[in-house]
């Protein structure tokens, strides 16, 4: 993926940002480290600051935190693209592992391999091969994962479920049975947000995964199977039916607002990645189990929709040392077991201490180690060209529910932006 295509994808966002996002600093003074991310929420910013504190204490160096707000990094990615194109990269930056944006920067020759760092720190032994495969291209590793998140989680309000004698639905049939009961009692069955135009895509990917299973899902995501297949259409029909049980103002809500609806009892369920866990616990101070419940999204038990945030080493830095030192902290057991409990995620290291994590994260850690890892569109699962085209098709689909047009659009997207 050429940088020109990346810039084109973010051009509209950049224009909109001009008046609202302050200009970022130029190249940092020697010894200082610029960290670029989209972690501005309460839980994520606290977690990032914990890493910064460790780094500044151990290396007696100053960090410039240049976070840009925007769900799933939509704003930050556009600003980052501008800096990279201008040859002014930050010391390191957040990106999703997988065939999405990380691979794009690698193909643009903007990243330096980290194999020697992995050997030096002994990380080949502590990160599973299934994860390293997501950040390895042509035998070279280009990122250090700081967290692991699960994208196929159904969050629910335990009080509502108890009141109406419901259990977390394991199948789509059970979901629609529960949804009908909830709707009859005046409760929104499924809280949905789509202000960032990525939340509905996540929901559809989960439905698709539950419809076709992990093997065929992976074939779709890697270009081995055509998107013009019965499973894709069936998932679109299930998704459309789900939409009839959601709040009508979904396009105006951010993801956390949908979670808040569940926490406040205004809605019974929400499908979101487990960054929602950080919001429930850190922002709303809810306890796992009593304050919120969880289960794999319907029909996806045995699959783990992996979303991992990684940081790498930009190629055009004048001084690599601050970045390499920060990456050492970021990938360390101490760094990860400090960062992740605050963020509501968990460490992808195999030697992470489960005792430092709550009931939800311990359960997610078990799934991560034994279930099949798959990727999600918009969260590192596909190249930017396909992701942007898919998002455009989804933005139309959530309003007109035209399944043939939606399937045709994503099939065309796959042909124009090959996934293999």
Protein backbone atom coordinates (compact mmCIF):
# COMPACT_ATOMS: atom_id res chain seq x y z
CA UNK A 1 0.00 0.00 0.00
CA UNK A 2 1.56 3.27 -1.12
CA UNK A 3 1.49 6.24 1.19
CA UNK A 4 -0.39 8.24 -1.44
CA UNK A 5 -3.34 5.87 -1.01
CA UNK A 6 -3.18 6.23 2.75
CA UNK A 7 -3.15 10.01 2.51
CA UNK A 8 -6.05 9.97 0.07
CA UNK A 9 -8.11 7.90 2.49
CA UNK A 10 -7.51 10.41 5.27
CA UNK A 11 -7.70 13.63 3.26
CA UNK A 12 -11.30 14.45 4.15
CA UNK A 13 -10.66 13.85 7.82
CA UNK A 14 -7.59 16.07 7.72
CA UNK A 15 -9.55 18.96 6.28
CA UNK A 16 -12.16 18.65 9.00
CA UNK A 17 -9.47 18.50 11.65
CA UNK A 18 -7.65 21.65 10.60
CA UNK A 19 -9.75 23.96 12.74
CA UNK A 20 -10.13 21.67 15.73
CA UNK A 21 -6.85 19.82 16.28
CA UNK A 22 -3.88 21.88 17.48
CA UNK A 23 -0.73 21.64 15.43
CA UNK A 24 1.54 18.87 16.65
CA UNK A 25 5.08 19.54 17.73
CA UNK A 26 7.93 19.37 15.27
CA UNK A 27 10.71 16.85 15.75
CA UNK A 28 11.34 16.39 19.48
CA UNK A 29 14.50 17.81 21.06
CA UNK A 30 17.26 15.28 21.56
CA UNK A 31 16.43 12.82 24.34
CA UNK A 32 12.71 13.58 24.34
CA UNK A 33 10.19 11.07 23.03
CA UNK A 34 6.97 11.89 21.21
CA UNK A 35 4.25 9.24 21.62
CA UNK A 36 1.34 9.43 19.21
CA UNK A 37 -1.95 7.64 19.93
CA UNK A 38 -5.71 8.02 20.12
CA UNK A 39 -5.87 7.16 23.83
CA UNK A 40 -7.69 10.16 25.28
CA UNK A 41 -10.50 8.46 27.24
CA UNK A 42 -10.32 8.18 31.03
CA UNK A 43 -9.22 4.55 31.22
CA UNK A 44 -6.91 4.56 28.20
CA UNK A 45 -5.19 7.85 29.10
CA UNK A 46 -4.57 6.63 32.66
CA UNK A 47 -3.13 3.40 31.28
CA UNK A 48 -0.83 5.23 28.85
CA UNK A 49 0.36 7.55 31.61
CA UNK A 50 1.33 4.52 33.69
CA UNK A 51 3.69 3.41 30.90
CA UNK A 52 5.07 6.93 30.56
CA UNK A 53 5.74 7.03 34.31
CA UNK A 54 7.72 3.79 34.18
CA UNK A 55 9.73 4.96 31.17
CA UNK A 56 10.53 8.39 32.64
CA UNK A 57 11.56 6.83 35.96
CA UNK A 58 13.78 4.14 34.43
CA UNK A 59 15.41 6.26 31.71
CA UNK A 60 15.22 9.76 33.23
CA UNK A 61 13.82 11.05 29.96
CA UNK A 62 10.86 13.25 29.06
CA UNK A 63 7.82 12.12 27.08
CA UNK A 64 5.61 14.35 24.95
CA UNK A 65 2.16 12.74 24.85
CA UNK A 66 0.54 13.70 21.55
CA UNK A 67 -2.78 11.87 21.72
CA UNK A 68 -5.55 12.85 19.31
CA UNK A 69 -9.18 12.12 20.25
CA UNK A 70 -11.41 10.14 17.91
CA UNK A 71 -13.05 6.71 18.14
CA UNK A 72 -10.91 3.85 16.76
CA UNK A 73 -8.26 6.43 15.88
CA UNK A 74 -10.06 7.86 12.85
CA UNK A 75 -8.81 11.41 13.53
CA UNK A 76 -5.38 10.35 14.77
CA UNK A 77 -4.68 8.21 11.71
CA UNK A 78 -5.33 11.14 9.40
CA UNK A 79 -3.02 13.46 11.34
CA UNK A 80 -0.36 10.75 11.55
CA UNK A 81 -0.51 10.24 7.78
CA UNK A 82 0.20 13.93 7.27
CA UNK A 83 3.24 13.79 9.54
CA UNK A 84 4.63 10.66 7.97
CA UNK A 85 4.22 12.08 4.47
CA UNK A 86 6.09 15.20 5.57
CA UNK A 87 8.98 13.09 6.88
CA UNK A 88 8.31 14.17 10.46
CA UNK A 89 7.33 10.98 12.31
CA UNK A 90 6.69 10.89 16.05
CA UNK A 91 9.05 8.78 18.13
CA UNK A 92 6.52 5.95 18.04
CA UNK A 93 2.83 5.64 17.33
CA UNK A 94 -0.16 3.41 18.05
CA UNK A 95 -1.41 1.16 15.29
CA UNK A 96 -3.45 -2.03 15.11
CA UNK A 97 -1.57 -5.25 14.45
CA UNK A 98 -2.58 -7.20 11.35
CA UNK A 99 -2.99 -6.57 7.64
CA UNK A 100 -4.42 -3.12 8.19
CA UNK A 101 -2.50 0.04 8.91
CA UNK A 102 0.70 -1.55 10.28
CA UNK A 103 1.31 -3.39 7.01
CA UNK A 104 0.61 -0.18 5.09
CA UNK A 105 3.43 1.65 6.87
CA UNK A 106 5.74 -1.33 6.36
CA UNK A 107 5.01 -1.41 2.63
CA UNK A 108 5.71 2.33 2.45
CA UNK A 109 9.18 1.66 3.92
CA UNK A 110 8.34 3.82 6.92
CA UNK A 111 9.12 1.23 9.62
CA UNK A 112 12.28 -0.48 10.91
CA UNK A 113 12.25 -4.23 11.75
CA UNK A 114 12.50 -5.15 15.43
CA UNK A 115 13.83 -8.72 15.26
CA UNK A 116 17.04 -7.83 17.10
CA UNK A 117 15.05 -6.18 19.90
CA UNK A 118 12.88 -9.30 20.23
CA UNK A 119 15.97 -11.48 20.50
CA UNK A 120 17.60 -9.12 23.02
CA UNK A 121 14.51 -8.98 25.25
CA UNK A 122 13.62 -12.68 24.93
CA UNK A 123 10.21 -11.86 23.47
CA UNK A 124 10.14 -14.75 20.99
CA UNK A 125 9.42 -16.98 23.99
CA UNK A 126 6.79 -14.85 25.73
CA UNK A 127 4.53 -13.80 22.83
CA UNK A 128 2.61 -16.62 21.08
CA UNK A 129 3.38 -17.34 17.45
CA UNK A 130 -0.26 -16.70 16.51
CA UNK A 131 0.17 -13.10 17.67
CA UNK A 132 3.61 -12.60 16.16
CA UNK A 133 2.17 -13.70 12.80
CA UNK A 134 -0.06 -10.59 12.89
CA UNK A 135 2.94 -8.25 13.08
CA UNK A 136 5.43 -10.19 10.93
CA UNK A 137 5.86 -9.51 7.23
CA UNK A 138 8.37 -11.43 5.10
CA UNK A 139 10.01 -12.78 8.23
CA UNK A 140 10.50 -9.40 9.90
CA UNK A 141 8.67 -8.15 13.00
CA UNK A 142 7.54 -4.52 12.95
CA UNK A 143 5.63 -3.92 16.18
CA UNK A 144 5.54 -4.52 19.92
CA UNK A 145 2.04 -5.44 21.19
CA UNK A 146 1.04 -3.75 24.43
CA UNK A 147 -2.44 -5.20 24.88
CA UNK A 148 -4.89 -7.80 23.68
CA UNK A 149 -8.55 -7.05 23.21
CA UNK A 150 -11.46 -9.23 22.19
CA UNK A 151 -13.82 -7.87 19.59
CA UNK A 152 -16.58 -10.48 19.83
CA UNK A 153 -18.15 -9.69 23.20
CA UNK A 154 -21.81 -9.28 24.09
CA UNK A 155 -22.15 -7.05 27.17
CA UNK A 156 -25.41 -7.12 29.10
CA UNK A 157 -27.14 -5.64 32.13
CA UNK A 158 -27.39 -8.40 34.80
CA UNK A 159 -30.33 -6.76 36.61
CA UNK A 160 -32.45 -6.61 33.46
CA UNK A 161 -31.60 -10.19 32.53
CA UNK A 162 -32.43 -11.39 36.03
CA UNK A 163 -35.73 -9.48 36.12
CA UNK A 164 -36.95 -11.10 32.92
CA UNK A 165 -35.37 -14.52 33.58
CA UNK A 166 -33.00 -14.30 30.62
CA UNK A 167 -29.53 -15.72 30.05
CA UNK A 168 -26.86 -14.45 27.65
CA UNK A 169 -27.90 -15.68 24.19
CA UNK A 170 -25.60 -18.29 22.66
CA UNK A 171 -27.30 -18.36 19.25
CA UNK A 172 -28.98 -15.83 17.00
CA UNK A 173 -32.31 -17.58 17.62
CA UNK A 174 -31.87 -17.06 21.37
CA UNK A 175 -30.88 -13.44 20.80
CA UNK A 176 -34.06 -12.68 18.86
CA UNK A 177 -36.17 -14.54 21.43
CA UNK A 178 -34.70 -12.40 24.22
CA UNK A 179 -34.93 -9.23 22.15
CA UNK A 180 -38.65 -9.74 21.54
CA UNK A 181 -39.30 -10.09 25.27
CA UNK A 182 -37.27 -7.00 26.10
CA UNK A 183 -38.89 -4.89 23.41
CA UNK A 184 -42.32 -5.95 24.67
CA UNK A 185 -41.43 -4.50 28.08
CA UNK A 186 -40.23 -1.19 26.62
CA UNK A 187 -36.50 -1.88 26.92
CA UNK A 188 -34.12 -1.32 24.00
CA UNK A 189 -32.73 -4.82 23.44
CA UNK A 190 -29.45 -3.83 21.73
CA UNK A 191 -27.69 -0.51 22.24
CA UNK A 192 -25.85 0.57 19.10
CA UNK A 193 -23.49 3.44 18.37
CA UNK A 194 -22.08 4.32 14.97
CA UNK A 195 -20.90 7.92 15.22
CA UNK A 196 -17.41 6.81 14.25
CA UNK A 197 -18.72 4.67 11.38
CA UNK A 198 -16.77 1.65 12.66
CA UNK A 199 -19.02 0.33 15.42
CA UNK A 200 -21.64 -1.13 13.06
CA UNK A 201 -18.84 -2.74 11.05
CA UNK A 202 -17.62 -4.47 14.21
CA UNK A 203 -21.15 -5.75 14.89
CA UNK A 204 -21.48 -7.05 11.34
CA UNK A 205 -18.10 -8.80 11.52
CA UNK A 206 -19.19 -10.57 14.70
CA UNK A 207 -22.44 -11.63 13.05
CA UNK A 208 -20.50 -12.83 10.00
CA UNK A 209 -18.10 -14.80 12.21
CA UNK A 210 -21.04 -16.45 13.98
CA UNK A 211 -22.74 -17.21 10.67
CA UNK A 212 -19.93 -18.77 8.62
CA UNK A 213 -17.57 -19.97 11.37
CA UNK A 214 -13.89 -19.07 11.90
CA UNK A 215 -12.42 -21.03 8.96
CA UNK A 216 -14.65 -19.54 6.26
CA UNK A 217 -14.44 -16.15 7.96
CA UNK A 218 -10.67 -16.26 7.69
CA UNK A 219 -10.97 -17.29 4.03
CA UNK A 220 -13.04 -14.17 3.41
CA UNK A 221 -10.59 -11.95 5.26
CA UNK A 222 -7.60 -13.33 3.36
CA UNK A 223 -9.19 -13.23 -0.08
CA UNK A 224 -9.50 -17.01 -0.47
CA UNK A 225 -13.28 -16.82 -0.68
CA UNK A 226 -15.56 -14.49 -2.61
CA UNK A 227 -17.66 -12.04 -0.62
CA UNK A 228 -20.56 -12.79 -2.94
CA UNK A 229 -21.46 -15.95 -1.01
CA UNK A 230 -24.60 -17.16 0.82
CA UNK A 231 -22.94 -16.76 4.24
CA UNK A 232 -22.23 -13.07 3.68
CA UNK A 233 -25.80 -12.50 2.58
CA UNK A 234 -27.21 -14.49 5.49
CA UNK A 235 -25.12 -12.46 7.94
CA UNK A 236 -26.41 -9.26 6.34
CA UNK A 237 -30.00 -10.45 6.82
CA UNK A 238 -29.34 -11.28 10.50
CA UNK A 239 -27.65 -7.90 10.98
CA UNK A 240 -30.65 -6.14 9.42
CA UNK A 241 -33.01 -7.97 11.77
CA UNK A 242 -30.84 -6.96 14.73
CA UNK A 243 -31.10 -3.33 13.63
CA UNK A 244 -34.85 -3.48 14.27
CA UNK A 245 -34.07 -3.98 17.97
CA UNK A 246 -31.63 -1.06 18.35
CA UNK A 247 -31.97 2.59 19.35
CA UNK A 248 -32.89 4.90 16.49
CA UNK A 249 -30.24 7.52 17.36
CA UNK A 250 -27.28 5.17 16.85
CA UNK A 251 -25.60 7.42 14.29
CA UNK A 252 -25.27 10.20 16.89
CA UNK A 253 -23.70 8.05 19.63
CA UNK A 254 -20.10 7.21 20.41
CA UNK A 255 -19.33 3.63 21.44
CA UNK A 256 -19.09 4.48 25.15
CA UNK A 257 -22.55 6.06 25.07
CA UNK A 258 -24.02 2.76 23.90
CA UNK A 259 -22.23 1.03 26.78
CA UNK A 260 -23.61 3.68 29.12
CA UNK A 261 -27.14 2.83 27.98
CA UNK A 262 -26.54 -0.74 29.14
CA UNK A 263 -24.99 0.35 32.43
CA UNK A 264 -27.94 2.65 33.18
CA UNK A 265 -30.55 0.06 32.27
CA UNK A 266 -31.77 1.98 29.24
CA UNK A 267 -30.74 -0.95 27.06
CA UNK A 268 -30.13 -4.61 27.82
CA UNK A 269 -27.20 -5.52 25.53
CA UNK A 270 -24.38 -4.08 23.48
CA UNK A 271 -21.82 -5.69 21.17
CA UNK A 272 -18.43 -4.04 21.58
CA UNK A 273 -14.77 -4.91 22.01
CA UNK A 274 -13.53 -5.36 25.53
CA UNK A 275 -12.20 -1.84 25.72
CA UNK A 276 -15.76 -1.47 27.03
CA UNK A 277 -14.51 -3.32 30.10
CA UNK A 278 -12.17 -0.42 30.86
CA UNK A 279 -15.06 2.02 30.47
CA UNK A 280 -17.31 0.02 32.80
CA UNK A 281 -14.70 -0.41 35.50
CA UNK A 282 -12.53 2.73 35.32
CA UNK A 283 -15.03 5.34 34.16
CA UNK A 284 -18.26 4.02 35.72
CA UNK A 285 -16.72 2.07 38.63
CA UNK A 286 -18.85 -1.02 37.96
CA UNK A 287 -17.87 -4.48 39.17
CA UNK A 288 -17.61 -7.39 36.71
CA UNK A 289 -20.49 -9.81 37.18
CA UNK A 290 -22.76 -7.56 39.24
CA UNK A 291 -22.40 -4.25 37.39
CA UNK A 292 -22.13 -5.78 33.93
CA UNK A 293 -22.19 -9.23 32.39
CA UNK A 294 -20.54 -10.64 29.27
CA UNK A 295 -20.49 -13.56 26.87
CA UNK A 296 -19.11 -14.27 23.39
CA UNK A 297 -21.34 -12.78 20.72
CA UNK A 298 -23.90 -15.33 19.48
CA UNK A 299 -22.42 -18.41 17.79
CA UNK A 300 -18.78 -17.26 18.14
CA UNK A 301 -17.71 -19.34 21.14
CA UNK A 302 -14.34 -20.90 20.31
CA UNK A 303 -13.22 -17.88 18.29
CA UNK A 304 -11.28 -14.88 19.54
CA UNK A 305 -11.62 -11.72 17.46
CA UNK A 306 -8.21 -10.27 18.22
CA UNK A 307 -7.58 -6.52 18.37
CA UNK A 308 -4.10 -5.59 19.50
CA UNK A 309 -2.46 -2.19 19.78
CA UNK A 310 1.19 -2.17 18.79
CA UNK A 311 3.95 0.43 18.62
CA UNK A 312 6.92 0.35 16.27
CA UNK A 313 10.08 2.12 15.23
CA UNK A 314 9.62 4.76 12.48
CA UNK A 315 12.33 4.75 9.83
CA UNK A 316 13.14 8.46 9.66
CA UNK A 317 14.01 9.22 13.27
CA UNK A 318 17.23 11.09 13.95
CA UNK A 319 17.71 9.24 17.25
CA UNK A 320 16.31 5.72 17.74
CA UNK A 321 17.40 5.30 21.35
CA UNK A 322 14.40 6.89 23.16
CA UNK A 323 11.98 4.87 21.03
CA UNK A 324 13.79 1.59 21.59
CA UNK A 325 13.88 2.24 25.32
CA UNK A 326 10.15 2.94 25.38
CA UNK A 327 9.44 -0.22 23.38
CA UNK A 328 11.38 -2.20 26.00
CA UNK A 329 9.08 -0.82 28.70
CA UNK A 330 5.99 -1.35 26.58
CA UNK A 331 6.76 -5.02 25.92
CA UNK A 332 7.94 -5.83 29.44
CA UNK A 333 5.96 -7.89 31.94
CA UNK A 334 5.99 -4.94 34.37
CA UNK A 335 4.82 -2.46 31.77
CA UNK A 336 2.02 -4.65 30.46
CA UNK A 337 0.74 -5.76 33.85
CA UNK A 338 0.60 -2.09 34.90
CA UNK A 339 -1.01 -0.79 31.71
CA UNK A 340 -3.66 -3.38 30.93
CA UNK A 341 -5.60 -3.60 34.21
CA UNK A 342 -6.15 0.17 33.98
CA UNK A 343 -7.28 0.02 30.37
CA UNK A 344 -9.57 -2.97 30.85
CA UNK A 345 -7.54 -5.11 28.45
CA UNK A 346 -5.02 -7.84 29.21
CA UNK A 347 -1.39 -8.57 28.47
CA UNK A 348 -0.72 -10.75 25.41
CA UNK A 349 2.40 -12.14 27.09
CA UNK A 350 2.10 -15.81 27.96
CA UNK A 351 3.74 -15.16 31.35
CA UNK A 352 1.30 -12.40 32.36
CA UNK A 353 0.12 -12.68 35.96
CA UNK A 354 -3.64 -13.52 36.01
CA UNK A 355 -3.86 -12.38 39.62
CA UNK A 356 -3.46 -8.77 38.48
CA UNK A 357 -6.61 -8.97 36.37
CA UNK A 358 -10.32 -9.10 37.16
CA UNK A 359 -12.78 -11.90 36.43
CA UNK A 360 -13.56 -10.79 32.89
CA UNK A 361 -9.92 -10.40 31.82
CA UNK A 362 -8.92 -13.74 33.33
CA UNK A 363 -11.64 -15.43 31.30
CA UNK A 364 -10.60 -13.56 28.14
CA UNK A 365 -6.97 -14.59 28.71
CA UNK A 366 -8.00 -18.25 28.72
CA UNK A 367 -9.90 -17.85 25.45
CA UNK A 368 -6.97 -16.01 23.86
CA UNK A 369 -4.61 -18.89 24.64
CA UNK A 370 -6.82 -21.69 23.29
CA UNK A 371 -9.30 -20.30 20.74
CA UNK A 372 -8.73 -19.47 17.07
CA UNK A 373 -7.61 -15.88 16.52
CA UNK A 374 -9.37 -13.93 13.76
CA UNK A 375 -9.25 -10.25 12.78
CA UNK A 376 -11.90 -7.57 12.39
CA UNK A 377 -12.34 -5.06 9.58
CA UNK A 378 -11.44 -1.60 10.85
CA UNK A 379 -9.38 -3.03 13.71
CA UNK A 380 -6.34 -4.20 11.73
CA UNK A 381 -8.10 -6.95 9.83
CA UNK A 382 -7.90 -5.60 6.28
CA UNK A 383 -5.94 -3.16 4.17
CA UNK A 384 -7.01 0.53 4.33
CA UNK A 385 -8.48 0.52 0.82
CA UNK A 386 -10.88 -2.34 1.54
CA UNK A 387 -11.60 -1.03 5.03
CA UNK A 388 -12.58 2.42 3.75
CA UNK A 389 -14.76 0.96 1.01
CA UNK A 390 -16.41 -1.42 3.45
CA UNK A 391 -17.10 1.44 5.88
CA UNK A 392 -18.70 3.45 3.09
CA UNK A 393 -20.90 0.50 2.13
CA UNK A 394 -21.86 -0.03 5.77
CA UNK A 395 -22.77 3.63 6.26
CA UNK A 396 -25.34 3.24 3.49
CA UNK A 397 -26.48 -0.23 4.55
CA UNK A 398 -27.42 0.75 8.11
CA UNK A 399 -30.01 3.15 6.70
CA UNK A 400 -31.37 1.44 3.57
CA UNK A 401 -30.88 -2.26 4.51
CA UNK A 402 -30.45 -3.16 0.84
CA UNK A 403 -28.65 -6.50 1.10
CA UNK A 404 -27.90 -7.07 -2.64
CA UNK A 405 -26.36 -3.60 -2.97
CA UNK A 406 -24.33 -4.05 0.22
CA UNK A 407 -22.93 -7.43 -0.85
CA UNK A 408 -22.17 -6.09 -4.32
CA UNK A 409 -20.32 -3.12 -2.84
CA UNK A 410 -18.07 -5.19 -0.58
CA UNK A 411 -17.40 -7.69 -3.36
CA UNK A 412 -16.29 -4.80 -5.57
CA UNK A 413 -14.17 -3.49 -2.69
CA UNK A 414 -12.40 -6.84 -2.40
CA UNK A 415 -11.72 -6.90 -6.13
CA UNK A 416 -10.33 -3.36 -6.12
CA UNK A 417 -8.32 -3.87 -2.92
CA UNK A 418 -7.15 -7.52 -2.91
CA UNK A 419 -7.02 -9.03 0.56
CA UNK A 420 -4.46 -11.72 -0.18
